[in-house]
Protein backbone atom coordinates (compact mmCIF):
# COMPACT_ATOMS: atom_id res chain seq x y z
CA MET A 1 -68.79 -62.61 -62.72
CA ALA A 2 -68.73 -64.39 -59.35
CA SER A 3 -72.45 -65.10 -59.50
CA TRP A 4 -72.00 -66.86 -62.82
CA SER A 5 -69.12 -68.86 -61.33
CA ALA A 6 -71.48 -70.19 -58.68
CA LEU A 7 -74.01 -71.10 -61.37
CA VAL A 8 -71.35 -72.93 -63.39
CA VAL A 9 -70.41 -75.07 -60.39
CA THR A 10 -74.05 -75.81 -59.61
CA THR A 11 -74.82 -76.80 -63.19
CA ALA A 12 -71.74 -79.01 -63.39
CA VAL A 13 -72.93 -80.91 -60.33
CA ALA A 14 -76.39 -81.27 -61.88
CA LEU A 15 -74.85 -82.79 -65.00
CA ALA A 16 -72.94 -85.31 -62.94
CA VAL A 17 -75.59 -86.30 -60.41
CA SER A 18 -79.31 -86.29 -61.02
CA PRO A 19 -81.21 -84.20 -58.45
CA LEU A 20 -83.69 -86.14 -56.33
CA GLY A 21 -81.92 -89.30 -57.45
CA SER A 22 -82.17 -90.81 -60.89
CA PRO A 23 -85.72 -90.49 -62.30
CA PRO A 24 -87.21 -93.68 -63.68
CA ALA A 25 -86.49 -94.14 -67.36
CA THR A 26 -89.34 -93.68 -69.79
CA ALA A 27 -90.42 -96.57 -71.97
CA GLU A 28 -88.54 -96.98 -75.23
CA GLY A 29 -89.91 -94.56 -77.82
CA GLU A 30 -91.90 -92.60 -75.23
CA VAL A 31 -91.21 -88.87 -75.03
CA SER A 32 -90.68 -87.45 -71.54
CA TYR A 33 -91.74 -83.90 -70.73
CA SER A 34 -89.54 -83.64 -67.65
CA TYR A 35 -86.18 -81.89 -67.34
CA LEU A 36 -85.17 -84.56 -64.82
CA ASP A 37 -85.31 -87.24 -67.49
CA GLY A 38 -82.83 -85.21 -69.52
CA VAL A 39 -80.51 -85.20 -66.52
CA ALA A 40 -81.01 -88.96 -66.18
CA ALA A 41 -80.09 -89.39 -69.86
CA GLN A 42 -76.85 -87.51 -69.20
CA PHE A 43 -76.18 -89.80 -66.23
CA ARG A 44 -76.60 -92.89 -68.43
CA ALA A 45 -74.68 -91.64 -71.49
CA PRO A 46 -72.80 -88.36 -71.00
CA ASP A 47 -73.07 -85.96 -73.95
CA ALA A 48 -74.83 -88.49 -76.16
CA SER A 49 -76.96 -87.19 -79.00
CA PRO A 50 -80.57 -86.81 -77.80
CA PRO A 51 -83.14 -89.20 -79.29
CA GLY A 52 -83.98 -88.34 -82.88
CA ALA A 53 -80.97 -86.08 -83.43
CA ASN A 54 -77.89 -86.33 -85.64
CA ASP A 55 -79.08 -88.78 -88.25
CA TRP A 56 -76.70 -87.61 -90.95
CA THR A 57 -78.58 -89.65 -93.56
CA CYS A 58 -81.82 -87.72 -92.90
CA ARG A 59 -83.34 -86.29 -96.06
CA LEU A 60 -85.39 -83.11 -96.23
CA ASP A 61 -88.82 -82.98 -97.83
CA HIS A 62 -91.21 -80.35 -99.11
CA ALA A 63 -92.96 -80.03 -95.75
CA HIS A 64 -89.65 -79.69 -93.87
CA PRO A 65 -87.20 -77.96 -96.21
CA GLU A 66 -84.73 -76.80 -93.54
CA PRO A 67 -82.85 -78.91 -91.00
CA VAL A 68 -83.30 -77.89 -87.38
CA VAL A 69 -80.18 -77.11 -85.32
CA LEU A 70 -80.60 -77.23 -81.54
CA LEU A 71 -78.30 -75.10 -79.36
CA HIS A 72 -78.11 -75.62 -75.58
CA GLY A 73 -77.18 -73.05 -72.94
CA LEU A 74 -75.05 -73.69 -69.85
CA SER A 75 -75.68 -77.42 -70.11
CA ASN A 76 -75.26 -79.78 -73.06
CA GLN A 77 -77.22 -81.40 -75.87
CA THR A 78 -78.13 -84.53 -73.90
CA VAL A 79 -79.85 -82.77 -71.02
CA THR A 80 -81.40 -79.87 -72.88
CA TRP A 81 -82.93 -81.60 -75.89
CA ASN A 82 -84.11 -84.93 -74.47
CA THR A 83 -87.71 -83.88 -75.13
CA LEU A 84 -87.69 -81.54 -78.11
CA ALA A 85 -85.36 -83.54 -80.38
CA PRO A 86 -87.56 -86.66 -80.54
CA VAL A 87 -90.74 -84.56 -80.86
CA LEU A 88 -89.28 -82.68 -83.84
CA ALA A 89 -88.02 -85.89 -85.43
CA ALA A 90 -91.44 -87.49 -85.05
CA GLU A 91 -92.91 -84.50 -86.88
CA GLY A 92 -90.62 -85.21 -89.85
CA HIS A 93 -87.83 -82.70 -89.19
CA CYS A 94 -84.16 -83.49 -89.71
CA VAL A 95 -82.75 -82.62 -86.30
CA PHE A 96 -79.14 -81.89 -85.37
CA SER A 97 -77.49 -80.95 -82.10
CA THR A 98 -74.02 -80.50 -80.70
CA THR A 99 -72.33 -79.54 -77.46
CA TYR A 100 -70.18 -76.45 -77.97
CA GLY A 101 -68.00 -74.33 -75.70
CA THR A 102 -66.76 -77.13 -73.44
CA GLY A 103 -63.69 -76.86 -71.24
CA ALA A 104 -62.26 -78.33 -68.08
CA LEU A 105 -65.73 -79.29 -66.81
CA GLY A 106 -66.20 -82.05 -69.37
CA SER A 107 -69.75 -82.26 -70.72
CA LEU A 108 -70.73 -78.79 -69.54
CA GLY A 109 -71.00 -76.56 -72.61
CA ALA A 110 -71.33 -72.84 -73.39
CA LEU A 111 -68.45 -72.05 -71.05
CA GLY A 112 -66.24 -70.41 -73.66
CA PRO A 113 -66.37 -66.78 -74.81
CA ILE A 114 -69.35 -65.81 -76.93
CA SER A 115 -67.14 -65.28 -79.97
CA ASP A 116 -65.54 -68.73 -79.71
CA SER A 117 -68.89 -70.45 -79.24
CA ALA A 118 -70.30 -68.60 -82.26
CA VAL A 119 -67.44 -69.87 -84.42
CA GLN A 120 -68.10 -73.46 -83.30
CA ILE A 121 -71.82 -73.07 -83.93
CA GLY A 122 -71.12 -71.66 -87.39
CA ALA A 123 -68.89 -74.62 -88.25
CA PHE A 124 -71.59 -77.04 -87.10
CA ILE A 125 -74.21 -75.25 -89.21
CA ASP A 126 -71.92 -75.51 -92.24
CA ARG A 127 -71.59 -79.24 -91.59
CA VAL A 128 -75.37 -79.64 -91.39
CA LEU A 129 -75.92 -77.66 -94.59
CA SER A 130 -73.31 -79.71 -96.41
CA ALA A 131 -74.81 -83.02 -95.25
CA THR A 132 -78.42 -82.12 -96.05
CA GLY A 133 -77.93 -79.96 -99.14
CA ALA A 134 -80.07 -77.22 -97.61
CA ALA A 135 -79.41 -73.53 -98.12
CA LYS A 136 -80.61 -72.54 -94.63
CA VAL A 137 -81.22 -74.01 -91.20
CA ASP A 138 -83.83 -73.37 -88.55
CA LEU A 139 -82.30 -72.59 -85.16
CA VAL A 140 -83.79 -73.42 -81.78
CA GLY A 141 -81.67 -72.23 -78.87
CA HIS A 142 -82.11 -72.26 -75.12
CA SER A 143 -80.65 -69.70 -72.73
CA MET A 144 -77.22 -68.60 -74.03
CA GLY A 145 -77.77 -70.89 -77.02
CA GLY A 146 -80.69 -68.66 -77.94
CA ALA A 147 -78.60 -65.48 -77.83
CA ILE A 148 -75.13 -66.44 -79.12
CA PRO A 149 -76.34 -66.83 -82.73
CA PHE A 150 -76.61 -63.05 -82.91
CA HIS A 151 -72.81 -62.98 -82.86
CA TYR A 152 -72.90 -65.48 -85.72
CA ILE A 153 -75.29 -63.17 -87.58
CA ASN A 154 -73.55 -59.87 -86.86
CA HIS A 155 -69.91 -60.86 -87.07
CA LEU A 156 -69.65 -64.10 -89.03
CA GLY A 157 -72.10 -63.48 -91.87
CA GLY A 158 -74.53 -66.12 -90.65
CA GLY A 159 -77.79 -64.30 -91.40
CA PRO A 160 -78.33 -65.74 -94.91
CA ARG A 161 -77.97 -69.27 -93.50
CA ILE A 162 -80.91 -68.96 -91.08
CA ASP A 163 -84.63 -69.17 -91.88
CA ASP A 164 -86.44 -69.48 -88.53
CA TYR A 165 -84.79 -68.55 -85.23
CA VAL A 166 -86.51 -69.68 -82.03
CA ALA A 167 -84.99 -68.51 -78.73
CA MET A 168 -86.12 -69.97 -75.41
CA ALA A 169 -85.31 -67.97 -72.25
CA ALA A 170 -82.39 -66.23 -73.95
CA PRO A 171 -80.60 -63.50 -71.94
CA PHE A 172 -80.42 -61.14 -74.93
CA HIS A 173 -80.11 -58.05 -72.76
CA GLY A 174 -78.17 -59.61 -69.90
CA THR A 175 -79.32 -61.24 -66.68
CA THR A 176 -79.39 -60.30 -63.01
CA LEU A 177 -79.61 -63.99 -62.01
CA SER A 178 -82.59 -63.25 -59.78
CA GLY A 179 -80.63 -60.48 -58.07
CA ILE A 180 -77.61 -62.62 -57.16
CA GLN A 181 -75.35 -60.67 -59.47
CA SER A 182 -75.64 -57.50 -57.38
CA MET A 183 -74.28 -59.35 -54.35
CA PHE A 184 -70.93 -59.64 -56.07
CA ASP A 185 -70.67 -56.17 -57.62
CA THR A 186 -68.37 -55.00 -54.83
CA VAL A 187 -66.05 -57.95 -55.37
CA ALA A 188 -65.88 -57.23 -59.10
CA THR A 189 -65.16 -53.53 -58.62
CA THR A 190 -62.52 -54.15 -55.97
CA VAL A 191 -60.27 -56.05 -58.36
CA PRO A 192 -61.43 -54.96 -61.84
CA GLU A 193 -58.34 -56.35 -63.58
CA LEU A 194 -59.04 -59.85 -62.31
CA ASP A 195 -62.74 -59.56 -63.10
CA ASP A 196 -61.97 -58.43 -66.66
CA ALA A 197 -59.40 -61.18 -67.20
CA ILE A 198 -61.82 -63.89 -66.14
CA THR A 199 -64.79 -62.44 -68.01
CA ARG A 200 -62.88 -62.38 -71.31
CA GLN A 201 -62.69 -66.19 -71.15
CA CYS A 202 -66.09 -66.87 -69.58
CA GLY A 203 -69.12 -66.95 -71.83
CA PRO A 204 -71.70 -67.02 -69.01
CA CYS A 205 -69.97 -64.03 -67.35
CA GLN A 206 -70.34 -62.07 -70.59
CA PHE A 207 -74.13 -62.25 -70.23
CA SER A 208 -74.16 -60.51 -66.85
CA TYR A 209 -76.47 -57.50 -66.77
CA GLY A 210 -74.66 -54.42 -68.07
CA SER A 211 -71.85 -56.40 -69.69
CA PRO A 212 -70.12 -54.56 -72.58
CA TYR A 213 -70.10 -57.84 -74.49
CA LEU A 214 -73.86 -57.45 -75.01
CA THR A 215 -73.25 -54.31 -77.06
CA ASP A 216 -71.00 -56.34 -79.30
CA LEU A 217 -73.60 -59.10 -79.50
CA ARG A 218 -76.24 -56.62 -80.78
CA PRO A 219 -79.43 -58.69 -80.47
CA ASP A 220 -81.45 -56.60 -82.93
CA PRO A 221 -83.75 -58.52 -85.30
CA ALA A 222 -83.64 -55.57 -87.72
CA VAL A 223 -80.13 -56.63 -88.77
CA ALA A 224 -81.66 -59.78 -90.30
CA PRO A 225 -85.09 -58.89 -91.75
CA GLY A 226 -85.18 -62.17 -93.67
CA ILE A 227 -85.22 -64.24 -90.47
CA ASP A 228 -88.44 -65.01 -88.59
CA PHE A 229 -87.72 -64.72 -84.87
CA THR A 230 -89.78 -66.34 -82.11
CA THR A 231 -88.97 -65.85 -78.43
CA ILE A 232 -90.41 -68.06 -75.69
CA VAL A 233 -90.11 -66.99 -72.04
CA THR A 234 -91.57 -67.93 -68.68
CA ARG A 235 -92.44 -65.53 -65.90
CA TYR A 236 -90.94 -68.00 -63.41
CA ASP A 237 -87.46 -67.92 -64.93
CA GLU A 238 -84.80 -67.86 -62.22
CA ILE A 239 -81.74 -67.63 -64.50
CA ALA A 240 -82.55 -65.25 -67.38
CA THR A 241 -83.93 -62.42 -65.27
CA PRO A 242 -85.91 -60.33 -65.48
CA TYR A 243 -87.72 -62.67 -67.85
CA GLU A 244 -88.28 -59.79 -70.29
CA THR A 245 -84.58 -60.08 -71.18
CA GLY A 246 -85.67 -62.94 -73.43
CA LEU A 247 -87.93 -60.73 -75.55
CA LEU A 248 -87.05 -58.91 -78.76
CA ALA A 249 -88.63 -56.01 -80.64
CA GLY A 250 -89.22 -55.91 -84.37
CA ALA A 251 -91.65 -56.54 -87.20
CA ASN A 252 -90.13 -60.00 -87.73
CA VAL A 253 -90.52 -61.08 -84.08
CA ASP A 254 -93.20 -63.09 -82.29
CA ASN A 255 -92.83 -62.91 -78.49
CA VAL A 256 -94.54 -65.65 -76.47
CA VAL A 257 -94.93 -65.79 -72.68
CA VAL A 258 -95.83 -69.34 -71.65
CA GLN A 259 -98.22 -68.20 -68.91
CA ASP A 260 -100.21 -66.16 -71.44
CA LEU A 261 -101.12 -69.50 -73.01
CA CYS A 262 -101.51 -71.44 -69.77
CA ALA A 263 -101.63 -69.78 -66.35
CA GLN A 264 -101.21 -73.17 -64.63
CA ASP A 265 -97.79 -73.68 -66.22
CA TYR A 266 -95.11 -73.03 -63.59
CA THR A 267 -92.15 -74.07 -65.69
CA GLU A 268 -88.90 -72.24 -64.95
CA HIS A 269 -85.66 -71.83 -66.90
CA TYR A 270 -84.56 -75.46 -67.11
CA GLU A 271 -87.92 -77.18 -67.55
CA LEU A 272 -88.81 -74.79 -70.38
CA THR A 273 -87.23 -76.95 -73.11
CA ALA A 274 -89.33 -79.91 -71.95
CA ASP A 275 -92.51 -77.94 -71.26
CA PRO A 276 -95.45 -79.12 -73.41
CA VAL A 277 -96.70 -75.57 -74.05
CA ALA A 278 -93.25 -74.30 -75.05
CA VAL A 279 -92.71 -77.34 -77.26
CA SER A 280 -96.00 -76.68 -79.05
CA VAL A 281 -94.91 -73.08 -79.67
CA VAL A 282 -91.64 -74.30 -81.20
CA LEU A 283 -93.52 -76.67 -83.51
CA ALA A 284 -95.88 -73.89 -84.60
CA ALA A 285 -93.00 -71.48 -85.21
CA LEU A 286 -91.13 -73.94 -87.41
CA SER A 287 -94.23 -74.88 -89.37
CA GLY A 288 -95.34 -71.29 -89.87
CA ASP A 289 -98.77 -72.07 -88.42
CA GLY A 290 -98.70 -69.20 -85.94
CA HIS A 291 -99.71 -69.60 -82.31
CA PRO A 292 -100.65 -73.11 -81.21
CA SER A 293 -103.65 -74.02 -79.09
CA PRO A 294 -101.97 -76.25 -76.52
CA GLY A 295 -103.73 -78.01 -73.71
CA CYS A 296 -103.44 -76.33 -70.33
CA PHE A 297 -102.65 -78.26 -67.16
CA PRO A 298 -100.29 -77.85 -64.19
CA VAL A 299 -96.58 -78.06 -65.03
CA LEU A 300 -94.11 -78.00 -62.15
CA PRO A 301 -90.53 -76.66 -62.21
CA PHE A 302 -87.98 -79.32 -63.21
CA ILE A 303 -90.56 -82.13 -62.81
CA GLY A 304 -92.93 -81.32 -65.66
CA PRO A 305 -96.63 -82.12 -66.06
CA LEU A 306 -98.50 -83.86 -63.27
CA PRO A 307 -98.41 -86.79 -63.09
CA VAL A 308 -94.90 -87.02 -64.55
CA GLY A 309 -94.99 -88.48 -68.02
CA SER A 310 -98.72 -87.96 -68.49
CA ALA A 311 -98.39 -85.23 -71.09
CA THR A 312 -99.07 -86.15 -74.67
CA PRO A 313 -96.94 -84.80 -77.52
CA PRO A 314 -98.40 -81.58 -78.93
CA ALA A 315 -100.31 -81.98 -82.17
């Protein structure tokens, strides 16, 4: 629990102040493949809809019959989807995003209990379905936003409302936070009543490795055989660790490790949603085209492709 508390504070600071200063803004209409530009967008307009998202007049077509709902992790919609939302919109998708699970830390989302966040996500999905007239949505979630929908499926009857489910660096089976969690095990066991009281109200804490809340989550694709699952992970993940926690098993699952497609890609947990290779996998998963054939070039943690902004949108 304490390790997650440290992460919450760190992430809150990142949402308020851009690391390394404020990155230069990209030209209007240009898609940035850098996590830092998402942070800069948050700095300019806190919790604003990312480019291309939340056009409630968007109409579906034969090529894109389901709206795409984007779900952030311990962050918010502005930071997380600054890259993927405009790419999906440019491909003809109707894209929707929201910031759920907020609390005292303002724009920082996914703080609330898993069950509460799942209820908010379900309500947002209902709103999207009502506005678009669709019967199902496609979900793309990052980190906790990639795992929480299993509560929606298992406990809120959400399975029939989902067609494709893409999870990026989701801690399905819990996380050790690169070993930091073990440093606080003694603290948690010393005062178990306090630890339990805090964890009941703390969504990130509920994803700690070995948490009983993961049993309740039940991330088993077999419970929803009608959903096509795609997981995307990076071997350099520092938050959802070990990185295999983001993988699922089942006949309706496609597991993708970014470095299996490009060994020069050093993206970590946060850059993953802006990573050109990961973005191309999302596009392929939603189109049903199978694995993409993305270009391969160096991608740095947080910063993105070198030079920054040189990546071209995946075909």
